[in-house]
C-alpha atoms as a PDB file:
ATOM      1  CA  MET A   1     -25.055   5.087  -4.207  1.00  0.00           C
ATOM      2  CA  GLN A   2     -26.906   3.257  -6.984  1.00  0.00           C
ATOM      3  CA  SER A   3     -29.022   0.373  -5.783  1.00  0.00           C
ATOM      4  CA  GLU A   4     -30.147  -1.273  -9.026  1.00  0.00           C
ATOM      5  CA  PHE A   5     -27.855  -2.755 -11.649  1.00  0.00           C
ATOM      6  CA  LYS A   6     -28.206  -5.276 -14.419  1.00  0.00           C
ATOM      7  CA  ARG A   7     -28.438  -8.809 -13.045  1.00  0.00           C
ATOM      8  CA  ILE A   8     -27.403 -12.094 -14.684  1.00  0.00           C
ATOM      9  CA  GLU A   9     -28.281 -15.527 -13.349  1.00  0.00           C
ATOM     10  CA  SER A  10     -27.671 -17.820 -16.339  1.00  0.00           C
ATOM     11  CA  ALA A  11     -24.308 -19.350 -17.222  1.00  0.00           C
ATOM     12  CA  HIS A  12     -25.505 -19.422 -20.849  1.00  0.00           C
ATOM     13  CA  ASN A  13     -25.538 -15.635 -21.074  1.00  0.00           C
ATOM     14  CA  ASP A  14     -23.179 -14.392 -23.820  1.00  0.00           C
ATOM     15  CA  GLU A  15     -21.567 -11.846 -21.500  1.00  0.00           C
ATOM     16  CA  ILE A  16     -20.775 -14.575 -18.980  1.00  0.00           C
ATOM     17  CA  LYS A  17     -19.288 -16.769 -21.697  1.00  0.00           C
ATOM     18  CA  GLN A  18     -17.068 -13.895 -22.795  1.00  0.00           C
ATOM     19  CA  LEU A  19     -15.972 -13.242 -19.207  1.00  0.00           C
ATOM     20  CA  ALA A  20     -15.044 -16.907 -18.813  1.00  0.00           C
ATOM     21  CA  ARG A  21     -12.975 -16.757 -22.010  1.00  0.00           C
ATOM     22  CA  LEU A  22     -11.100 -13.718 -20.740  1.00  0.00           C
ATOM     23  CA  LEU A  23     -10.269 -15.474 -17.488  1.00  0.00           C
ATOM     24  CA  GLN A  24      -9.047 -18.627 -19.192  1.00  0.00           C
ATOM     25  CA  ASN A  25      -7.470 -17.426 -22.438  1.00  0.00           C
ATOM     26  CA  GLY A  26      -4.378 -15.238 -22.587  1.00  0.00           C
ATOM     27  CA  ARG A  27      -4.746 -14.651 -26.326  1.00  0.00           C
ATOM     28  CA  GLU A  28      -8.258 -13.325 -25.784  1.00  0.00           C
ATOM     29  CA  ARG A  29      -7.012 -10.944 -23.106  1.00  0.00           C
ATOM     30  CA  ARG A  30      -4.202  -9.685 -25.337  1.00  0.00           C
ATOM     31  CA  GLN A  31      -6.477  -9.147 -28.319  1.00  0.00           C
ATOM     32  CA  GLN A  32      -8.889  -7.094 -26.254  1.00  0.00           C
ATOM     33  CA  ARG A  33      -6.133  -5.360 -24.256  1.00  0.00           C
ATOM     34  CA  LEU A  34      -7.887  -6.320 -21.013  1.00  0.00           C
ATOM     35  CA  MET A  35      -7.008  -7.821 -17.655  1.00  0.00           C
ATOM     36  CA  VAL A  36      -9.329  -9.401 -15.108  1.00  0.00           C
ATOM     37  CA  LEU A  37      -8.936  -8.191 -11.532  1.00  0.00           C
ATOM     38  CA  GLU A  38     -10.474 -10.229  -8.729  1.00  0.00           C
ATOM     39  CA  GLY A  39     -11.057  -9.007  -5.205  1.00  0.00           C
ATOM     40  CA  ILE A  40     -11.403  -5.703  -3.391  1.00  0.00           C
ATOM     41  CA  HIS A  41      -7.665  -5.062  -2.881  1.00  0.00           C
ATOM     42  CA  LEU A  42      -6.713  -5.260  -6.560  1.00  0.00           C
ATOM     43  CA  LEU A  43      -9.676  -3.149  -7.602  1.00  0.00           C
ATOM     44  CA  GLU A  44      -8.861  -0.475  -5.037  1.00  0.00           C
ATOM     45  CA  THR A  45      -5.242  -0.412  -6.202  1.00  0.00           C
ATOM     46  CA  ALA A  46      -6.328  -0.092  -9.831  1.00  0.00           C
ATOM     47  CA  ARG A  47      -8.750   2.717  -8.995  1.00  0.00           C
ATOM     48  CA  ALA A  48      -6.069   4.607  -7.062  1.00  0.00           C
ATOM     49  CA  SER A  49      -3.755   4.365 -10.075  1.00  0.00           C
ATOM     50  CA  HIS A  50      -6.453   5.813 -12.364  1.00  0.00           C
ATOM     51  CA  ALA A  51      -6.770   2.644 -14.422  1.00  0.00           C
ATOM     52  CA  THR A  52      -9.512   2.522 -17.034  1.00  0.00           C
ATOM     53  CA  PHE A  53     -12.339   0.211 -15.979  1.00  0.00           C
ATOM     54  CA  ALA A  54     -14.461  -1.448 -18.665  1.00  0.00           C
ATOM     55  CA  ALA A  55     -16.855  -3.443 -16.471  1.00  0.00           C
ATOM     56  CA  LEU A  56     -17.581  -4.448 -12.886  1.00  0.00           C
ATOM     57  CA  TYR A  57     -19.142  -7.735 -11.797  1.00  0.00           C
ATOM     58  CA  VAL A  58     -20.480  -7.896  -8.251  1.00  0.00           C
ATOM     59  CA  ASN A  59     -21.256 -11.031  -6.299  1.00  0.00           C
ATOM     60  CA  GLU A  60     -24.833 -10.577  -5.084  1.00  0.00           C
ATOM     61  CA  ARG A  61     -23.888 -11.750  -1.582  1.00  0.00           C
ATOM     62  CA  ALA A  62     -21.477  -8.798  -1.353  1.00  0.00           C
ATOM     63  CA  ARG A  63     -24.127  -6.108  -1.826  1.00  0.00           C
ATOM     64  CA  GLY A  64     -24.110  -4.099   1.356  1.00  0.00           C
ATOM     65  CA  ASN A  65     -20.400  -4.720   1.996  1.00  0.00           C
ATOM     66  CA  ALA A  66     -19.025  -1.253   2.788  1.00  0.00           C
ATOM     67  CA  GLU A  67     -15.863  -1.641   0.681  1.00  0.00           C
ATOM     68  CA  VAL A  68     -17.782  -2.998  -2.294  1.00  0.00           C
ATOM     69  CA  GLU A  69     -20.361  -0.229  -2.106  1.00  0.00           C
ATOM     70  CA  ALA A  70     -17.575   2.377  -1.916  1.00  0.00           C
ATOM     71  CA  LEU A  71     -16.064   0.954  -5.106  1.00  0.00           C
ATOM     72  CA  LEU A  72     -19.463   1.035  -6.792  1.00  0.00           C
ATOM     73  CA  ASP A  73     -19.958   4.654  -5.754  1.00  0.00           C
ATOM     74  CA  ALA A  74     -16.561   5.548  -7.221  1.00  0.00           C
ATOM     75  CA  LEU A  75     -16.746   3.508 -10.423  1.00  0.00           C
ATOM     76  CA  ALA A  76     -20.373   2.962 -11.458  1.00  0.00           C
ATOM     77  CA  ALA A  77     -20.467   6.184 -13.467  1.00  0.00           C
ATOM     78  CA  ARG A  78     -17.337   5.152 -15.405  1.00  0.00           C
ATOM     79  CA  CYS A  79     -18.231   1.608 -16.496  1.00  0.00           C
ATOM     80  CA  ARG A  80     -21.070  -0.873 -16.668  1.00  0.00           C
ATOM     81  CA  VAL A  81     -21.965  -2.797 -13.513  1.00  0.00           C
ATOM     82  CA  THR A  82     -23.509  -6.261 -13.417  1.00  0.00           C
ATOM     83  CA  VAL A  83     -24.657  -8.224 -10.377  1.00  0.00           C
ATOM     84  CA  LEU A  84     -24.157 -11.977 -10.628  1.00  0.00           C
ATOM     85  CA  ALA A  85     -25.893 -14.642  -8.607  1.00  0.00           C
ATOM     86  CA  GLU A  86     -23.445 -16.155  -6.123  1.00  0.00           C
ATOM     87  CA  ALA A  87     -23.513 -19.606  -7.735  1.00  0.00           C
ATOM     88  CA  LEU A  88     -22.756 -18.064 -11.116  1.00  0.00           C
ATOM     89  CA  PHE A  89     -19.971 -15.876  -9.729  1.00  0.00           C
ATOM     90  CA  GLY A  90     -18.202 -18.967  -8.485  1.00  0.00           C
ATOM     91  CA  LYS A  91     -18.196 -20.395 -12.010  1.00  0.00           C
ATOM     92  CA  VAL A  92     -16.580 -17.359 -13.660  1.00  0.00           C
ATOM     93  CA  SER A  93     -13.979 -16.634 -10.967  1.00  0.00           C
ATOM     94  CA  ALA A  94     -10.497 -18.148 -11.127  1.00  0.00           C
ATOM     95  CA  LEU A  95     -10.405 -18.331  -7.328  1.00  0.00           C
ATOM     96  CA  SER A  96     -11.378 -21.376  -5.290  1.00  0.00           C
ATOM     97  CA  SER A  97     -13.588 -19.112  -3.181  1.00  0.00           C
ATOM     98  CA  ALA A  98     -15.512 -16.552  -5.196  1.00  0.00           C
ATOM     99  CA  PRO A  99     -14.486 -12.950  -4.409  1.00  0.00           C
ATOM    100  CA  GLU A 100     -16.885 -10.128  -3.680  1.00  0.00           C
ATOM    101  CA  ILE A 101     -16.189  -8.301  -6.928  1.00  0.00           C
ATOM    102  CA  LEU A 102     -14.163  -8.499 -10.139  1.00  0.00           C
ATOM    103  CA  ALA A 103     -13.465  -6.075 -12.946  1.00  0.00           C
ATOM    104  CA  LEU A 104     -12.345  -5.850 -16.546  1.00  0.00           C
ATOM    105  CA  VAL A 105      -9.626  -3.217 -16.769  1.00  0.00           C
ATOM    106  CA  GLN A 106      -7.747  -1.973 -19.808  1.00  0.00           C
ATOM    107  CA  ARG A 107      -4.061  -2.795 -19.986  1.00  0.00           C
ATOM    108  CA  PRO A 108      -1.975   0.382 -19.745  1.00  0.00           C
ATOM    109  CA  GLU A 109       0.085   1.804 -22.574  1.00  0.00           C
ATOM    110  CA  HIS A 110       3.656   2.571 -21.530  1.00  0.00           C
ATOM    111  CA  ALA A 111       6.047   5.172 -22.872  1.00  0.00           C
ATOM    112  CA  ALA A 112       9.649   4.250 -23.647  1.00  0.00           C
ATOM    113  CA  ALA A 113      11.932   4.117 -20.623  1.00  0.00           C
ATOM    114  CA  ALA A 114      14.768   6.562 -20.185  1.00  0.00           C
ATOM    115  CA  ALA A 115      18.024   5.029 -21.409  1.00  0.00           C
ATOM    116  CA  SER A 116      19.568   5.334 -17.941  1.00  0.00           C
ATOM    117  CA  ALA A 117      16.617   4.036 -15.873  1.00  0.00           C
ATOM    118  CA  SER A 118      17.394   0.832 -13.960  1.00  0.00           C
ATOM    119  CA  ARG A 119      15.343  -2.117 -15.118  1.00  0.00           C
ATOM    120  CA  LEU A 120      14.640  -5.828 -15.037  1.00  0.00           C
ATOM    121  CA  LEU A 121      14.834  -8.085 -18.077  1.00  0.00           C
ATOM    122  CA  LEU A 122      13.070 -11.417 -17.686  1.00  0.00           C
ATOM    123  CA  GLU A 123      13.734 -14.251 -20.095  1.00  0.00           C
ATOM    124  CA  ASN A 124      11.171 -17.070 -20.367  1.00  0.00           C
ATOM    125  CA  VAL A 125       9.988 -16.918 -16.746  1.00  0.00           C
ATOM    126  CA  GLN A 126       7.151 -19.434 -16.812  1.00  0.00           C
ATOM    127  CA  ASP A 127       5.676 -19.719 -13.343  1.00  0.00           C
ATOM    128  CA  PRO A 128       2.909 -17.167 -12.603  1.00  0.00           C
ATOM    129  CA  GLY A 129       3.777 -17.067  -8.907  1.00  0.00           C
ATOM    130  CA  ASN A 130       7.422 -16.369  -9.672  1.00  0.00           C
ATOM    131  CA  LEU A 131       6.597 -13.588 -12.103  1.00  0.00           C
ATOM    132  CA  GLY A 132       4.096 -11.960  -9.769  1.00  0.00           C
ATOM    133  CA  THR A 133       6.587 -12.072  -6.898  1.00  0.00           C
ATOM    134  CA  ILE A 134       9.328 -10.543  -9.063  1.00  0.00           C
ATOM    135  CA  LEU A 135       6.994  -7.723 -10.098  1.00  0.00           C
ATOM    136  CA  ARG A 136       6.015  -7.098  -6.484  1.00  0.00           C
ATOM    137  CA  SER A 137       9.694  -6.917  -5.480  1.00  0.00           C
ATOM    138  CA  ALA A 138      10.491  -4.593  -8.382  1.00  0.00           C
ATOM    139  CA  ALA A 139       7.717  -2.220  -7.347  1.00  0.00           C
ATOM    140  CA  ALA A 140       8.897  -2.270  -3.726  1.00  0.00           C
ATOM    141  CA  ALA A 141      12.490  -1.602  -4.810  1.00  0.00           C
ATOM    142  CA  ASP A 142      11.390   1.212  -7.154  1.00  0.00           C
ATOM    143  CA  VAL A 143      12.714  -0.432 -10.313  1.00  0.00           C
ATOM    144  CA  ARG A 144       9.783   0.437 -12.524  1.00  0.00           C
ATOM    145  CA  ASP A 145      10.778  -0.726 -15.993  1.00  0.00           C
ATOM    146  CA  VAL A 146      10.361  -4.450 -16.624  1.00  0.00           C
ATOM    147  CA  TYR A 147      10.922  -6.145 -19.976  1.00  0.00           C
ATOM    148  CA  LEU A 148       9.560  -9.634 -20.601  1.00  0.00           C
ATOM    149  CA  SER A 149      10.563 -11.918 -23.452  1.00  0.00           C
ATOM    150  CA  ALA A 150       7.933 -13.549 -25.637  1.00  0.00           C
ATOM    151  CA  GLY A 151       8.513 -16.805 -23.758  1.00  0.00           C
ATOM    152  CA  CYS A 152       7.353 -15.412 -20.404  1.00  0.00           C
ATOM    153  CA  VAL A 153       3.989 -16.285 -18.912  1.00  0.00           C
ATOM    154  CA  ASP A 154       1.254 -13.713 -19.577  1.00  0.00           C
ATOM    155  CA  ALA A 155       2.070 -10.857 -17.208  1.00  0.00           C
ATOM    156  CA  TYR A 156      -1.628 -10.008 -16.936  1.00  0.00           C
ATOM    157  CA  SER A 157      -2.940 -13.487 -16.198  1.00  0.00           C
ATOM    158  CA  PRO A 158      -5.151 -13.709 -13.090  1.00  0.00           C
ATOM    159  CA  LYS A 159      -2.516 -15.736 -11.205  1.00  0.00           C
ATOM    160  CA  VAL A 160       0.264 -13.228 -11.930  1.00  0.00           C
ATOM    161  CA  LEU A 161      -1.996 -10.321 -11.000  1.00  0.00           C
ATOM    162  CA  ARG A 162      -2.840 -11.937  -7.668  1.00  0.00           C
ATOM    163  CA  ALA A 163       0.800 -12.733  -6.891  1.00  0.00           C
ATOM    164  CA  GLY A 164       1.804  -9.184  -7.852  1.00  0.00           C
ATOM    165  CA  MET A 165      -0.607  -7.718  -5.272  1.00  0.00           C
ATOM    166  CA  GLY A 166      -1.087  -4.512  -7.255  1.00  0.00           C
ATOM    167  CA  ALA A 167       2.527  -4.127  -8.433  1.00  0.00           C
ATOM    168  CA  HIS A 168       1.364  -3.972 -12.068  1.00  0.00           C
ATOM    169  CA  PHE A 169       0.023  -0.481 -11.445  1.00  0.00           C
ATOM    170  CA  ALA A 170       3.378   0.816 -10.210  1.00  0.00           C
ATOM    171  CA  LEU A 171       5.421  -0.595 -13.112  1.00  0.00           C
ATOM    172  CA  ASN A 172       6.018  -0.116 -16.820  1.00  0.00           C
ATOM    173  CA  LEU A 173       5.676  -3.623 -18.264  1.00  0.00           C
ATOM    174  CA  ARG A 174       6.710  -4.405 -21.803  1.00  0.00           C
ATOM    175  CA  GLU A 175       5.850  -7.869 -23.059  1.00  0.00           C
ATOM    176  CA  ASP A 176       7.333  -9.619 -26.111  1.00  0.00           C
ATOM    177  CA  ALA A 177      10.474  -7.523 -25.717  1.00  0.00           C
ATOM    178  CA  ASP A 178      13.682  -8.100 -27.661  1.00  0.00           C
ATOM    179  CA  LEU A 179      15.903  -8.456 -24.601  1.00  0.00           C
ATOM    180  CA  ALA A 180      19.167  -8.478 -26.554  1.00  0.00           C
ATOM    181  CA  ALA A 181      18.282  -5.205 -28.265  1.00  0.00           C
ATOM    182  CA  GLU A 182      17.229  -3.667 -24.948  1.00  0.00           C
ATOM    183  CA  LEU A 183      20.514  -4.678 -23.325  1.00  0.00           C
ATOM    184  CA  LEU A 184      22.582  -3.298 -26.181  1.00  0.00           C
ATOM    185  CA  ALA A 185      20.741   0.033 -25.991  1.00  0.00           C
ATOM    186  CA  PHE A 186      20.973   0.300 -22.208  1.00  0.00           C
ATOM    187  CA  ASP A 187      23.175   3.082 -20.826  1.00  0.00           C
ATOM    188  CA  GLY A 188      24.364   1.445 -17.616  1.00  0.00           C
ATOM    189  CA  ALA A 189      25.722  -1.734 -16.061  1.00  0.00           C
ATOM    190  CA  ARG A 190      24.388  -5.004 -17.495  1.00  0.00           C
ATOM    191  CA  LEU A 191      24.315  -7.714 -14.831  1.00  0.00           C
ATOM    192  CA  VAL A 192      23.250 -11.246 -15.681  1.00  0.00           C
ATOM    193  CA  THR A 193      22.780 -13.905 -13.042  1.00  0.00           C
ATOM    194  CA  SER A 194      24.831 -17.049 -13.595  1.00  0.00           C
ATOM    195  CA  LEU A 195      26.375 -19.785 -11.481  1.00  0.00           C
ATOM    196  CA  GLU A 196      29.350 -20.152 -13.807  1.00  0.00           C
ATOM    197  CA  GLY A 197      32.258 -17.748 -14.281  1.00  0.00           C
ATOM    198  CA  SER A 198      30.581 -15.161 -12.097  1.00  0.00           C
ATOM    199  CA  GLN A 199      31.412 -12.600  -9.430  1.00  0.00           C
ATOM    200  CA  SER A 200      29.684 -12.119  -6.094  1.00  0.00           C
ATOM    201  CA  LEU A 201      26.655  -9.858  -6.168  1.00  0.00           C
ATOM    202  CA  TYR A 202      27.946  -8.192  -3.023  1.00  0.00           C
ATOM    203  CA  ARG A 203      31.123  -6.986  -4.767  1.00  0.00           C
ATOM    204  CA  GLN A 204      29.171  -4.996  -7.360  1.00  0.00           C
ATOM    205  CA  ASP A 205      28.555  -1.256  -7.259  1.00  0.00           C
ATOM    206  CA  LEU A 206      24.810  -1.008  -7.894  1.00  0.00           C
ATOM    207  CA  ARG A 207      24.355   2.669  -7.131  1.00  0.00           C
ATOM    208  CA  GLY A 208      24.183   3.697 -10.785  1.00  0.00           C
ATOM    209  CA  PRO A 209      21.806   2.566 -13.543  1.00  0.00           C
ATOM    210  CA  VAL A 210      21.606  -1.232 -13.603  1.00  0.00           C
ATOM    211  CA  ALA A 211      19.888  -3.749 -15.873  1.00  0.00           C
ATOM    212  CA  PHE A 212      19.348  -7.063 -14.091  1.00  0.00           C
ATOM    213  CA  VAL A 213      18.694 -10.104 -16.273  1.00  0.00           C
ATOM    214  CA  PHE A 214      16.986 -13.217 -14.908  1.00  0.00           C
ATOM    215  CA  GLY A 215      16.200 -16.365 -16.831  1.00  0.00           C
ATOM    216  CA  ASN A 216      13.952 -19.378 -17.007  1.00  0.00           C
ATOM    217  CA  GLU A 217      13.376 -21.431 -13.853  1.00  0.00           C
ATOM    218  CA  GLY A 218      15.101 -24.487 -15.311  1.00  0.00           C
ATOM    219  CA  ALA A 219      17.397 -23.258 -18.077  1.00  0.00           C
ATOM    220  CA  GLY A 220      18.537 -19.936 -16.622  1.00  0.00           C
ATOM    221  CA  VAL A 221      19.702 -17.107 -18.847  1.00  0.00           C
ATOM    222  CA  SER A 222      20.434 -17.950 -22.482  1.00  0.00           C
ATOM    223  CA  ARG A 223      23.953 -17.895 -23.877  1.00  0.00           C
ATOM    224  CA  ALA A 224      23.041 -14.978 -26.153  1.00  0.00           C
ATOM    225  CA  LEU A 225      22.174 -12.756 -23.187  1.00  0.00           C
ATOM    226  CA  LEU A 226      25.066 -14.033 -21.073  1.00  0.00           C
ATOM    227  CA  ASP A 227      27.427 -12.894 -23.809  1.00  0.00           C
ATOM    228  CA  LEU A 228      26.009  -9.359 -23.640  1.00  0.00           C
ATOM    229  CA  ALA A 229      26.603  -8.989 -19.901  1.00  0.00           C
ATOM    230  CA  ASP A 230      29.145  -6.602 -18.447  1.00  0.00           C
ATOM    231  CA  VAL A 231      29.265  -8.828 -15.376  1.00  0.00           C
ATOM    232  CA  ARG A 232      27.933 -12.287 -14.569  1.00  0.00           C
ATOM    233  CA  VAL A 233      26.892 -12.303 -10.943  1.00  0.00           C
ATOM    234  CA  ARG A 234      26.051 -14.976  -8.420  1.00  0.00           C
ATOM    235  CA  ILE A 235      24.499 -14.802  -4.978  1.00  0.00           C
ATOM    236  CA  PRO A 236      26.872 -16.466  -2.475  1.00  0.00           C
ATOM    237  CA  MET A 237      25.289 -19.529  -0.880  1.00  0.00           C
ATOM    238  CA  PRO A 238      27.410 -20.986   1.927  1.00  0.00           C
ATOM    239  CA  GLY A 239      24.775 -23.632   2.620  1.00  0.00           C
ATOM    240  CA  GLN A 240      23.927 -26.782   0.699  1.00  0.00           C
ATOM    241  CA  ALA A 241      21.351 -25.466  -1.810  1.00  0.00           C
ATOM    242  CA  GLU A 242      22.453 -25.638  -5.447  1.00  0.00           C
ATOM    243  CA  SER A 243      20.482 -22.597  -6.546  1.00  0.00           C
ATOM    244  CA  LEU A 244      17.769 -20.142  -5.571  1.00  0.00           C
ATOM    245  CA  ASN A 245      14.269 -19.766  -6.924  1.00  0.00           C
ATOM    246  CA  VAL A 246      14.308 -17.048  -9.620  1.00  0.00           C
ATOM    247  CA  ALA A 247      11.889 -14.857  -7.687  1.00  0.00           C
ATOM    248  CA  MET A 248      14.052 -15.062  -4.563  1.00  0.00           C
ATOM    249  CA  ALA A 249      17.217 -14.349  -6.578  1.00  0.00           C
ATOM    250  CA  ALA A 250      15.624 -11.307  -8.202  1.00  0.00           C
ATOM    251  CA  THR A 251      14.428 -10.012  -4.848  1.00  0.00           C
ATOM    252  CA  LEU A 252      17.888 -10.348  -3.285  1.00  0.00           C
ATOM    253  CA  CYS A 253      19.513  -8.515  -6.203  1.00  0.00           C
ATOM    254  CA  LEU A 254      16.945  -5.718  -6.156  1.00  0.00           C
ATOM    255  CA  PHE A 255      17.307  -5.171  -2.428  1.00  0.00           C
ATOM    256  CA  GLU A 256      21.099  -5.293  -2.488  1.00  0.00           C
ATOM    257  CA  ARG A 257      20.741  -2.291  -4.802  1.00  0.00           C
ATOM    258  CA  VAL A 258      18.332  -0.686  -2.317  1.00  0.00           C
ATOM    259  CA  ARG A 259      20.807  -1.340   0.521  1.00  0.00           C
ATOM    260  CA  GLN A 260      23.583   0.403  -1.386  1.00  0.00           C
ATOM    261  CA  LEU A 261      21.409   3.370  -2.355  1.00  0.00           C
ATOM    262  CA  TYR A 262      19.950   3.813   1.106  1.00  0.00           C
ATOM    263  CA  PRO A 263      22.615   2.558   3.560  1.00  0.00           C
ATOM    264  CA  ASP A 264      20.940   4.163   6.570  1.00  0.00           C
END
């Protein structure tokens, strides 16, 4: 285990300014093809998935923490490590309580999905918590290909990464996707969620390749994508709610597919 690393104490340091920009600015993250992971759990998940680490920043109060030191042992030879004073770490973290460690990790490059692989298509999903939850559900349901329109929130923003709880490393994410083109090219059932003119989700055969389309929290799925659907589906709601949160709707659809594939 290495005991001495570079140390920064000043908020005026150029490296700290750059780290702050990466945390706050999605355009900066996209240009540099980086994401910022905060906390031991996300870093351990990234390491297990063989992600490429560019830099580690360690909160000085966490030196001696067994999990942090294990990460340093595993990663220090692969990227630069910097120890930050605790007061400074709190200023560069997006969390209300500064984590023990954070990292800059390269965004993965994804190969094209097989034409028959089930997938999610997300149109203009804006809330980071919703997107992260959808990604977590997709990973749990083993639907690995996710396409996001240009109007979606940054899939690699710190808030989405935290809500996803490591799901990003189990999925193939494609941002700025042409959802209409992807639907037209898909070799399977195209199901779009809609409250109007729709059939019950529970009457659909989801055992084959399926593309699920979910839309914006307020506007839903656009008319252009609705018109490309094989089936418009709704989730029956015998109670008094008018609609479901998009993350909840996506989760129910994904796990209805799981139920049909694995009935036991």
